[in-house]
C-alpha atoms as a PDB file:
ATOM      1  CA  MET A   1      26.014 -17.103  -6.480  1.00  0.00           C
ATOM      2  CA  SER A   2      23.540 -19.915  -7.166  1.00  0.00           C
ATOM      3  CA  GLU A   3      20.574 -19.747  -9.535  1.00  0.00           C
ATOM      4  CA  LEU A   4      16.919 -20.679  -9.917  1.00  0.00           C
ATOM      5  CA  GLU A   5      15.371 -21.381 -13.292  1.00  0.00           C
ATOM      6  CA  VAL A   6      11.815 -20.154 -13.891  1.00  0.00           C
ATOM      7  CA  LEU A   7       9.764 -22.740 -15.797  1.00  0.00           C
ATOM      8  CA  GLU A   8       6.230 -21.355 -15.334  1.00  0.00           C
ATOM      9  CA  THR A   9       4.872 -18.210 -13.674  1.00  0.00           C
ATOM     10  CA  GLY A  10       1.122 -18.625 -13.226  1.00  0.00           C
ATOM     11  CA  PRO A  11      -1.054 -15.502 -13.716  1.00  0.00           C
ATOM     12  CA  LEU A  12       1.544 -13.139 -12.236  1.00  0.00           C
ATOM     13  CA  SER A  13       4.789 -13.654 -10.315  1.00  0.00           C
ATOM     14  CA  LEU A  14       6.747 -10.638  -9.070  1.00  0.00           C
ATOM     15  CA  ILE A  15       9.900  -9.976  -7.083  1.00  0.00           C
ATOM     16  CA  GLN A  16       9.051  -8.191  -3.832  1.00  0.00           C
ATOM     17  CA  ASP A  17      10.765  -7.141  -0.636  1.00  0.00           C
ATOM     18  CA  LEU A  18       9.350  -4.702   1.941  1.00  0.00           C
ATOM     19  CA  GLY A  19       9.482  -1.745  -0.439  1.00  0.00           C
ATOM     20  CA  ARG A  20      11.305   1.557  -0.825  1.00  0.00           C
ATOM     21  CA  PRO A  21      10.297   3.971   1.951  1.00  0.00           C
ATOM     22  CA  GLY A  22      11.616   7.525   2.023  1.00  0.00           C
ATOM     23  CA  TYR A  23      10.805   8.704  -1.511  1.00  0.00           C
ATOM     24  CA  LEU A  24       7.242   9.976  -1.181  1.00  0.00           C
ATOM     25  CA  SER A  25       8.432  13.579  -1.553  1.00  0.00           C
ATOM     26  CA  SER A  26       9.834  12.593  -4.958  1.00  0.00           C
ATOM     27  CA  GLY A  27       6.574  10.969  -6.017  1.00  0.00           C
ATOM     28  CA  VAL A  28       7.745   7.384  -5.541  1.00  0.00           C
ATOM     29  CA  GLY A  29       5.536   5.078  -3.498  1.00  0.00           C
ATOM     30  CA  VAL A  30       6.734   2.416  -1.068  1.00  0.00           C
ATOM     31  CA  SER A  31       5.333  -0.630  -2.929  1.00  0.00           C
ATOM     32  CA  GLY A  32       6.681  -3.956  -1.557  1.00  0.00           C
ATOM     33  CA  ALA A  33       4.922  -7.205  -0.679  1.00  0.00           C
ATOM     34  CA  ALA A  34       1.131  -6.886  -0.565  1.00  0.00           C
ATOM     35  CA  ASP A  35       1.001  -9.290   2.402  1.00  0.00           C
ATOM     36  CA  ARG A  36       3.958  -8.100   4.433  1.00  0.00           C
ATOM     37  CA  GLY A  37       3.583 -10.648   7.206  1.00  0.00           C
ATOM     38  CA  SER A  38       3.709 -13.617   4.837  1.00  0.00           C
ATOM     39  CA  ALA A  39       6.761 -12.222   3.023  1.00  0.00           C
ATOM     40  CA  LYS A  40       8.579 -11.724   6.337  1.00  0.00           C
ATOM     41  CA  LEU A  41       7.721 -15.256   7.455  1.00  0.00           C
ATOM     42  CA  ALA A  42       9.014 -16.785   4.204  1.00  0.00           C
ATOM     43  CA  ASN A  43      12.329 -15.029   4.747  1.00  0.00           C
ATOM     44  CA  ARG A  44      12.593 -15.969   8.420  1.00  0.00           C
ATOM     45  CA  LEU A  45      11.999 -19.639   7.606  1.00  0.00           C
ATOM     46  CA  VAL A  46      15.000 -19.747   5.258  1.00  0.00           C
ATOM     47  CA  GLY A  47      17.256 -17.680   7.520  1.00  0.00           C
ATOM     48  CA  ASN A  48      17.124 -14.395   5.591  1.00  0.00           C
ATOM     49  CA  ASP A  49      16.726 -10.852   6.755  1.00  0.00           C
ATOM     50  CA  GLU A  50      12.992 -10.041   6.683  1.00  0.00           C
ATOM     51  CA  ASN A  51      13.574  -7.470   3.921  1.00  0.00           C
ATOM     52  CA  SER A  52      15.189  -9.923   1.506  1.00  0.00           C
ATOM     53  CA  ALA A  53      13.633 -10.186  -1.946  1.00  0.00           C
ATOM     54  CA  CYS A  54      11.249 -13.093  -2.441  1.00  0.00           C
ATOM     55  CA  ILE A  55       8.701 -14.096  -5.095  1.00  0.00           C
ATOM     56  CA  GLU A  56       5.072 -12.993  -4.785  1.00  0.00           C
ATOM     57  CA  VAL A  57       2.828 -15.416  -6.697  1.00  0.00           C
ATOM     58  CA  LEU A  58      -0.744 -14.536  -7.656  1.00  0.00           C
ATOM     59  CA  MET A  59      -2.999 -17.571  -7.068  1.00  0.00           C
ATOM     60  CA  GLY A  60      -0.274 -20.142  -7.847  1.00  0.00           C
ATOM     61  CA  GLY A  61       1.148 -21.798 -10.947  1.00  0.00           C
ATOM     62  CA  LEU A  62       4.824 -20.943 -10.380  1.00  0.00           C
ATOM     63  CA  ALA A  63       7.402 -23.624 -11.258  1.00  0.00           C
ATOM     64  CA  LEU A  64      11.119 -23.371 -10.398  1.00  0.00           C
ATOM     65  CA  ARG A  65      14.067 -25.671 -11.079  1.00  0.00           C
ATOM     66  CA  ALA A  66      17.166 -25.653  -8.867  1.00  0.00           C
ATOM     67  CA  PRO A  67      20.536 -26.358 -10.579  1.00  0.00           C
ATOM     68  CA  GLN A  68      22.164 -26.378  -7.113  1.00  0.00           C
ATOM     69  CA  VAL A  69      20.994 -27.234  -3.605  1.00  0.00           C
ATOM     70  CA  THR A  70      18.501 -24.470  -2.766  1.00  0.00           C
ATOM     71  CA  ILE A  71      16.451 -23.912   0.380  1.00  0.00           C
ATOM     72  CA  VAL A  72      13.008 -22.338  -0.016  1.00  0.00           C
ATOM     73  CA  ALA A  73       9.773 -21.812   1.922  1.00  0.00           C
ATOM     74  CA  VAL A  74       6.228 -21.073   0.724  1.00  0.00           C
ATOM     75  CA  THR A  75       3.889 -18.916   2.825  1.00  0.00           C
ATOM     76  CA  GLY A  76       0.770 -16.794   2.345  1.00  0.00           C
ATOM     77  CA  ALA A  77      -2.089 -18.280   0.319  1.00  0.00           C
ATOM     78  CA  PRO A  78      -1.754 -22.067   0.805  1.00  0.00           C
ATOM     79  CA  ALA A  79      -0.915 -23.137  -2.736  1.00  0.00           C
ATOM     80  CA  THR A  80       0.235 -26.754  -2.413  1.00  0.00           C
ATOM     81  CA  ALA A  81       3.974 -26.997  -3.137  1.00  0.00           C
ATOM     82  CA  LEU A  82       5.054 -30.112  -5.040  1.00  0.00           C
ATOM     83  CA  LEU A  83       8.744 -31.047  -5.041  1.00  0.00           C
ATOM     84  CA  ASP A  84       9.163 -33.401  -7.996  1.00  0.00           C
ATOM     85  CA  GLY A  85       5.474 -34.249  -7.517  1.00  0.00           C
ATOM     86  CA  ILE A  86       5.672 -34.836  -3.760  1.00  0.00           C
ATOM     87  CA  PRO A  87       3.530 -32.472  -1.594  1.00  0.00           C
ATOM     88  CA  MET A  88       5.525 -30.352   0.847  1.00  0.00           C
ATOM     89  CA  GLY A  89       4.249 -28.709   4.027  1.00  0.00           C
ATOM     90  CA  HIS A  90       2.977 -25.140   3.888  1.00  0.00           C
ATOM     91  CA  ALA A  91       5.112 -22.571   5.728  1.00  0.00           C
ATOM     92  CA  SER A  92       7.881 -25.153   6.078  1.00  0.00           C
ATOM     93  CA  VAL A  93      11.533 -25.400   5.049  1.00  0.00           C
ATOM     94  CA  ILE A  94      11.957 -27.161   1.680  1.00  0.00           C
ATOM     95  CA  VAL A  95      15.362 -28.380   0.476  1.00  0.00           C
ATOM     96  CA  MET A  96      15.614 -28.585  -3.317  1.00  0.00           C
ATOM     97  CA  GLN A  97      18.358 -30.914  -4.533  1.00  0.00           C
ATOM     98  CA  PRO A  98      20.139 -30.218  -7.857  1.00  0.00           C
ATOM     99  CA  GLY A  99      17.747 -30.755 -10.760  1.00  0.00           C
ATOM    100  CA  GLN A 100      14.583 -30.849  -8.645  1.00  0.00           C
ATOM    101  CA  THR A 101      11.508 -28.813  -9.575  1.00  0.00           C
ATOM    102  CA  LEU A 102       9.139 -27.007  -7.220  1.00  0.00           C
ATOM    103  CA  ARG A 103       5.616 -26.390  -8.530  1.00  0.00           C
ATOM    104  CA  LEU A 104       2.878 -24.423  -6.820  1.00  0.00           C
ATOM    105  CA  GLN A 105      -0.645 -25.599  -7.466  1.00  0.00           C
ATOM    106  CA  TYR A 106      -3.455 -23.038  -7.449  1.00  0.00           C
ATOM    107  CA  ALA A 107      -4.566 -21.923  -3.990  1.00  0.00           C
ATOM    108  CA  GLN A 108      -8.192 -22.559  -3.013  1.00  0.00           C
ATOM    109  CA  VAL A 109      -8.212 -19.732  -0.475  1.00  0.00           C
ATOM    110  CA  GLY A 110      -6.255 -16.490  -0.307  1.00  0.00           C
ATOM    111  CA  LEU A 111      -4.755 -14.624  -3.239  1.00  0.00           C
ATOM    112  CA  ARG A 112      -0.965 -14.337  -2.929  1.00  0.00           C
ATOM    113  CA  SER A 113       1.713 -16.877  -1.992  1.00  0.00           C
ATOM    114  CA  TYR A 114       5.329 -16.018  -1.175  1.00  0.00           C
ATOM    115  CA  VAL A 115       8.409 -18.067  -2.013  1.00  0.00           C
ATOM    116  CA  GLY A 116      11.390 -17.220   0.152  1.00  0.00           C
ATOM    117  CA  VAL A 117      14.810 -18.376  -1.082  1.00  0.00           C
ATOM    118  CA  ARG A 118      17.770 -18.712   1.265  1.00  0.00           C
ATOM    119  CA  GLY A 119      20.130 -15.886   0.260  1.00  0.00           C
ATOM    120  CA  GLY A 120      17.322 -13.821  -1.283  1.00  0.00           C
ATOM    121  CA  VAL A 121      16.581 -13.181  -4.954  1.00  0.00           C
ATOM    122  CA  ALA A 122      19.508 -11.045  -6.145  1.00  0.00           C
ATOM    123  CA  VAL A 123      17.965  -8.856  -8.850  1.00  0.00           C
ATOM    124  CA  PRO A 124      19.358  -5.288  -9.082  1.00  0.00           C
ATOM    125  CA  ASP A 125      17.784  -2.854  -6.648  1.00  0.00           C
ATOM    126  CA  VAL A 126      16.153   0.435  -7.644  1.00  0.00           C
ATOM    127  CA  LEU A 127      16.206   3.190  -5.010  1.00  0.00           C
ATOM    128  CA  GLY A 128      17.248   0.662  -2.403  1.00  0.00           C
ATOM    129  CA  SER A 129      14.540  -1.924  -3.104  1.00  0.00           C
ATOM    130  CA  ARG A 130      14.065  -4.932  -5.374  1.00  0.00           C
ATOM    131  CA  SER A 131      10.276  -4.571  -5.363  1.00  0.00           C
ATOM    132  CA  THR A 132       8.181  -4.342  -8.517  1.00  0.00           C
ATOM    133  CA  ASP A 133       5.804  -1.367  -8.403  1.00  0.00           C
ATOM    134  CA  THR A 134       3.043  -2.175 -10.886  1.00  0.00           C
ATOM    135  CA  LEU A 135       1.684   1.397 -10.859  1.00  0.00           C
ATOM    136  CA  SER A 136       4.911   3.274 -11.623  1.00  0.00           C
ATOM    137  CA  GLY A 137       6.772   0.499 -13.449  1.00  0.00           C
ATOM    138  CA  ILE A 138       9.761   0.852 -11.107  1.00  0.00           C
ATOM    139  CA  GLY A 139      11.645  -2.338 -10.278  1.00  0.00           C
ATOM    140  CA  PRO A 140      12.167  -5.664 -12.045  1.00  0.00           C
ATOM    141  CA  GLU A 141       9.749  -6.916 -14.693  1.00  0.00           C
ATOM    142  CA  ALA A 142       7.265  -9.665 -13.923  1.00  0.00           C
ATOM    143  CA  LEU A 143       8.823 -13.112 -14.138  1.00  0.00           C
ATOM    144  CA  LYS A 144       8.459 -15.067 -17.349  1.00  0.00           C
ATOM    145  CA  PRO A 145       9.332 -18.627 -18.377  1.00  0.00           C
ATOM    146  CA  ASN A 146      13.054 -19.251 -18.993  1.00  0.00           C
ATOM    147  CA  ASP A 147      14.144 -16.442 -16.658  1.00  0.00           C
ATOM    148  CA  VAL A 148      17.168 -17.315 -14.531  1.00  0.00           C
ATOM    149  CA  LEU A 149      17.175 -15.764 -11.059  1.00  0.00           C
ATOM    150  CA  LEU A 150      20.414 -15.188  -9.216  1.00  0.00           C
ATOM    151  CA  VAL A 151      20.329 -16.109  -5.543  1.00  0.00           C
ATOM    152  CA  GLY A 152      22.369 -14.089  -3.051  1.00  0.00           C
ATOM    153  CA  THR A 153      24.889 -15.333  -0.542  1.00  0.00           C
ATOM    154  CA  ALA A 154      23.148 -16.954   2.415  1.00  0.00           C
ATOM    155  CA  ALA A 155      23.476 -15.592   5.920  1.00  0.00           C
ATOM    156  CA  THR A 156      25.652 -17.557   8.309  1.00  0.00           C
ATOM    157  CA  SER A 157      22.830 -18.278  10.759  1.00  0.00           C
ATOM    158  CA  PHE A 158      19.881 -20.599  10.221  1.00  0.00           C
ATOM    159  CA  PRO A 159      16.706 -20.653  12.354  1.00  0.00           C
ATOM    160  CA  ASN A 160      16.101 -23.798  14.363  1.00  0.00           C
ATOM    161  CA  VAL A 161      12.602 -24.378  12.964  1.00  0.00           C
ATOM    162  CA  GLU A 162      11.283 -26.541  10.139  1.00  0.00           C
ATOM    163  CA  VAL A 163       7.670 -25.403  10.010  1.00  0.00           C
ATOM    164  CA  ALA A 164       5.784 -22.328  11.247  1.00  0.00           C
ATOM    165  CA  PRO A 165       2.313 -22.813  12.769  1.00  0.00           C
ATOM    166  CA  VAL A 166       0.111 -20.314  10.942  1.00  0.00           C
ATOM    167  CA  PRO A 167      -3.665 -19.936  11.287  1.00  0.00           C
ATOM    168  CA  PRO A 168      -5.722 -21.077   8.299  1.00  0.00           C
ATOM    169  CA  MET A 169      -6.440 -18.348   5.771  1.00  0.00           C
ATOM    170  CA  GLU A 170      -9.976 -16.984   5.921  1.00  0.00           C
ATOM    171  CA  ALA A 171     -12.371 -18.000   3.162  1.00  0.00           C
ATOM    172  CA  GLY A 172     -15.553 -16.479   4.594  1.00  0.00           C
ATOM    173  CA  THR A 173     -16.519 -12.896   5.393  1.00  0.00           C
ATOM    174  CA  LEU A 174     -13.543 -10.841   6.597  1.00  0.00           C
ATOM    175  CA  SER A 175     -14.079  -8.520   9.546  1.00  0.00           C
ATOM    176  CA  VAL A 176     -11.770  -5.549   8.968  1.00  0.00           C
ATOM    177  CA  ARG A 177     -11.177  -2.677  11.386  1.00  0.00           C
ATOM    178  CA  VAL A 178     -11.302   0.861  10.061  1.00  0.00           C
ATOM    179  CA  VAL A 179     -10.642   4.329  11.466  1.00  0.00           C
ATOM    180  CA  GLY A 180     -13.022   6.983  10.143  1.00  0.00           C
ATOM    181  CA  GLY A 181     -11.815  10.029   8.222  1.00  0.00           C
ATOM    182  CA  PRO A 182     -10.153  12.203   7.232  1.00  0.00           C
ATOM    183  CA  ARG A 183     -12.940  13.015   4.728  1.00  0.00           C
ATOM    184  CA  ASP A 184     -15.922  11.186   6.220  1.00  0.00           C
ATOM    185  CA  ASP A 185     -17.645  14.585   6.456  1.00  0.00           C
ATOM    186  CA  TRP A 186     -17.934  14.517   2.645  1.00  0.00           C
ATOM    187  CA  PHE A 187     -20.674  11.886   2.988  1.00  0.00           C
ATOM    188  CA  THR A 188     -24.250  12.244   4.209  1.00  0.00           C
ATOM    189  CA  ASN A 189     -24.103   8.726   5.652  1.00  0.00           C
ATOM    190  CA  PRO A 190     -20.511   7.752   6.522  1.00  0.00           C
ATOM    191  CA  GLU A 191     -21.919   5.031   8.763  1.00  0.00           C
ATOM    192  CA  ALA A 192     -22.931   3.162   5.595  1.00  0.00           C
ATOM    193  CA  LEU A 193     -19.297   2.034   5.289  1.00  0.00           C
ATOM    194  CA  THR A 194     -19.717  -0.142   8.385  1.00  0.00           C
ATOM    195  CA  THR A 195     -23.285  -1.196   7.528  1.00  0.00           C
ATOM    196  CA  GLY A 196     -23.760  -4.514   5.755  1.00  0.00           C
ATOM    197  CA  VAL A 197     -20.988  -6.082   3.699  1.00  0.00           C
ATOM    198  CA  TRP A 198     -18.958  -5.330   0.582  1.00  0.00           C
ATOM    199  CA  ALA A 199     -17.770  -7.780  -2.088  1.00  0.00           C
ATOM    200  CA  VAL A 200     -14.261  -7.729  -3.552  1.00  0.00           C
ATOM    201  CA  SER A 201     -14.439  -6.857  -7.254  1.00  0.00           C
ATOM    202  CA  PRO A 202     -12.738  -8.938  -9.970  1.00  0.00           C
ATOM    203  CA  ASP A 203     -10.830  -5.714 -10.787  1.00  0.00           C
ATOM    204  CA  THR A 204      -8.820  -5.861  -7.557  1.00  0.00           C
ATOM    205  CA  ASP A 205      -5.019  -5.728  -7.965  1.00  0.00           C
ATOM    206  CA  ARG A 206      -1.890  -4.598  -6.137  1.00  0.00           C
ATOM    207  CA  ILE A 207      -2.991  -0.963  -6.431  1.00  0.00           C
ATOM    208  CA  GLY A 208      -6.221  -1.477  -4.548  1.00  0.00           C
ATOM    209  CA  ALA A 209      -8.975  -3.851  -3.507  1.00  0.00           C
ATOM    210  CA  ARG A 210     -12.039  -2.522  -5.309  1.00  0.00           C
ATOM    211  CA  LEU A 211     -15.320  -3.187  -3.530  1.00  0.00           C
ATOM    212  CA  ASN A 212     -18.922  -3.498  -4.680  1.00  0.00           C
ATOM    213  CA  ARG A 213     -21.935  -3.103  -2.409  1.00  0.00           C
ATOM    214  CA  HIS A 214     -23.399  -6.523  -1.573  1.00  0.00           C
ATOM    215  CA  GLY A 215     -27.008  -6.974  -0.543  1.00  0.00           C
ATOM    216  CA  ASP A 216     -29.485  -4.200   0.237  1.00  0.00           C
ATOM    217  CA  ALA A 217     -27.337  -2.069   2.569  1.00  0.00           C
ATOM    218  CA  PRO A 218     -27.322   1.664   1.703  1.00  0.00           C
ATOM    219  CA  ALA A 219     -24.886   3.135  -0.804  1.00  0.00           C
ATOM    220  CA  LEU A 220     -22.432   5.852   0.197  1.00  0.00           C
ATOM    221  CA  VAL A 221     -23.792   9.292  -0.706  1.00  0.00           C
ATOM    222  CA  ARG A 222     -21.625  12.370  -1.161  1.00  0.00           C
ATOM    223  CA  THR A 223     -22.657  15.692   0.429  1.00  0.00           C
ATOM    224  CA  SER A 224     -21.263  17.532  -2.571  1.00  0.00           C
ATOM    225  CA  GLU A 225     -20.039  16.812  -6.084  1.00  0.00           C
ATOM    226  CA  ALA A 226     -17.327  19.465  -5.738  1.00  0.00           C
ATOM    227  CA  GLU A 227     -13.743  18.455  -6.489  1.00  0.00           C
ATOM    228  CA  LEU A 228     -11.419  17.743  -3.611  1.00  0.00           C
ATOM    229  CA  PRO A 229      -7.916  19.232  -3.933  1.00  0.00           C
ATOM    230  CA  THR A 230      -5.303  16.520  -4.430  1.00  0.00           C
ATOM    231  CA  GLU A 231      -3.885  15.310  -1.114  1.00  0.00           C
ATOM    232  CA  GLY A 232      -1.670  12.527   0.153  1.00  0.00           C
ATOM    233  CA  VAL A 233      -3.151   9.085   0.768  1.00  0.00           C
ATOM    234  CA  ALA A 234      -1.742   6.339   2.954  1.00  0.00           C
ATOM    235  CA  LEU A 235      -1.595   2.559   2.652  1.00  0.00           C
ATOM    236  CA  GLY A 236      -5.013   1.219   3.657  1.00  0.00           C
ATOM    237  CA  SER A 237      -6.911   4.398   2.746  1.00  0.00           C
ATOM    238  CA  ILE A 238     -10.489   3.778   1.611  1.00  0.00           C
ATOM    239  CA  GLN A 239     -11.069   6.188  -1.237  1.00  0.00           C
ATOM    240  CA  VAL A 240     -14.533   6.638  -2.720  1.00  0.00           C
ATOM    241  CA  PRO A 241     -14.738   7.687  -6.399  1.00  0.00           C
ATOM    242  CA  PRO A 242     -17.956   9.104  -7.942  1.00  0.00           C
ATOM    243  CA  SER A 243     -19.300   5.559  -8.485  1.00  0.00           C
ATOM    244  CA  GLY A 244     -19.660   5.209  -4.693  1.00  0.00           C
ATOM    245  CA  GLN A 245     -17.753   1.911  -4.759  1.00  0.00           C
ATOM    246  CA  PRO A 246     -14.807   2.124  -2.320  1.00  0.00           C
ATOM    247  CA  VAL A 247     -11.218   1.246  -3.153  1.00  0.00           C
ATOM    248  CA  VAL A 248      -8.891   0.074  -0.356  1.00  0.00           C
ATOM    249  CA  PHE A 249      -5.388   1.175  -1.329  1.00  0.00           C
ATOM    250  CA  LEU A 250      -2.777  -1.590  -1.243  1.00  0.00           C
ATOM    251  CA  ALA A 251       0.985  -1.818  -1.801  1.00  0.00           C
ATOM    252  CA  ASP A 252       1.204  -0.068  -5.198  1.00  0.00           C
ATOM    253  CA  HIS A 253      -1.332   2.680  -4.466  1.00  0.00           C
ATOM    254  CA  PRO A 254      -0.835   6.243  -5.756  1.00  0.00           C
ATOM    255  CA  ILE A 255       0.652   8.548  -3.154  1.00  0.00           C
ATOM    256  CA  SER A 256      -1.960  11.257  -3.731  1.00  0.00           C
ATOM    257  CA  GLY A 257      -5.549  11.433  -4.916  1.00  0.00           C
ATOM    258  CA  GLY A 258      -8.490  13.740  -5.430  1.00  0.00           C
ATOM    259  CA  TYR A 259     -11.362  11.580  -4.194  1.00  0.00           C
ATOM    260  CA  PRO A 260     -12.418  11.708  -0.530  1.00  0.00           C
ATOM    261  CA  VAL A 261     -10.987   9.110   1.855  1.00  0.00           C
ATOM    262  CA  ILE A 262     -13.816   7.977   4.124  1.00  0.00           C
ATOM    263  CA  GLY A 263     -11.613   5.856   6.385  1.00  0.00           C
ATOM    264  CA  VAL A 264      -8.338   3.990   6.765  1.00  0.00           C
ATOM    265  CA  VAL A 265      -7.952   0.259   7.420  1.00  0.00           C
ATOM    266  CA  ALA A 266      -6.065  -0.595  10.611  1.00  0.00           C
ATOM    267  CA  ASP A 267      -2.480  -1.502   9.699  1.00  0.00           C
ATOM    268  CA  GLU A 268      -2.811  -4.950  11.271  1.00  0.00           C
ATOM    269  CA  ASP A 269      -5.652  -5.810   8.862  1.00  0.00           C
ATOM    270  CA  ILE A 270      -4.125  -4.594   5.575  1.00  0.00           C
ATOM    271  CA  ASP A 271      -2.401  -7.937   4.889  1.00  0.00           C
ATOM    272  CA  ARG A 272      -5.782  -9.685   5.213  1.00  0.00           C
ATOM    273  CA  ILE A 273      -7.351  -7.334   2.657  1.00  0.00           C
ATOM    274  CA  ALA A 274      -4.433  -8.093   0.310  1.00  0.00           C
ATOM    275  CA  GLN A 275      -5.330 -11.800   0.499  1.00  0.00           C
ATOM    276  CA  ALA A 276      -9.067 -11.304  -0.160  1.00  0.00           C
ATOM    277  CA  ARG A 277     -10.201 -13.012  -3.358  1.00  0.00           C
ATOM    278  CA  PRO A 278     -12.686 -11.584  -5.879  1.00  0.00           C
ATOM    279  CA  GLY A 279     -16.199 -12.254  -4.604  1.00  0.00           C
ATOM    280  CA  GLN A 280     -15.113 -12.543  -0.966  1.00  0.00           C
ATOM    281  CA  LEU A 281     -17.172 -10.441   1.443  1.00  0.00           C
ATOM    282  CA  ILE A 282     -15.749  -7.787   3.764  1.00  0.00           C
ATOM    283  CA  ARG A 283     -17.421  -6.251   6.781  1.00  0.00           C
ATOM    284  CA  PHE A 284     -15.888  -3.036   8.123  1.00  0.00           C
ATOM    285  CA  THR A 285     -15.978  -2.439  11.861  1.00  0.00           C
ATOM    286  CA  THR A 286     -14.971   0.645  13.825  1.00  0.00           C
ATOM    287  CA  ALA A 287     -11.461   0.301  15.221  1.00  0.00           C
END
């Protein structure tokens, strides 16, 4: 096996694959990459299986040194990748020669970048996944300077592509599709969810994107202050606590909750929510 040396980690760098499905009945959530599409693309670019473990980088700031020839790709939030100070293309194949250092600058748009490594990051798996679940604490610890990451054996095939054309990441108001329910009847005005815009709170994390009402649109009003029996909640559920400020559940969300879920984000739009930065505006539309 080859290795990668971690020099710097930025605000938060985690090992993620596509998660550990199949354990909800035991109280273990799926977790996995917050932006699944970007993680899959990073792996495809370096010739890995889509479920291989990669590095999820919050905002940027990660620095890696390669003792051996190592092939990587950076996707997701477009944090400029510098190979020994030379800018590399985003969503492109990058060949690190022995002793070279890859540094990610801080992204100006989007929230999470993904570094795919040919062969995958070979940390031990837990329940069949190498993902870090920040809610339960399952999986590998967050990366820290001086960590040495083992890299798995590369697949025999290699895709015949050097760069993937990806649309620019959205910096303005996101239009996100939502399906109403199952507890929209717990609100006197469920239509308020799709009225006006919401702003992503600075408290957003991998558990959920917390939203604040922006502008003079109406607040969500409960029909009753009674407690809701605990029930299962899915990825993308929009749960509304007593504050009236919705939370869109992301990769590390709890698998059950006692606050009403007013709607669920369409699966195709969950990755976009995961890339929304604090202060960015979101407009919900009916799917």
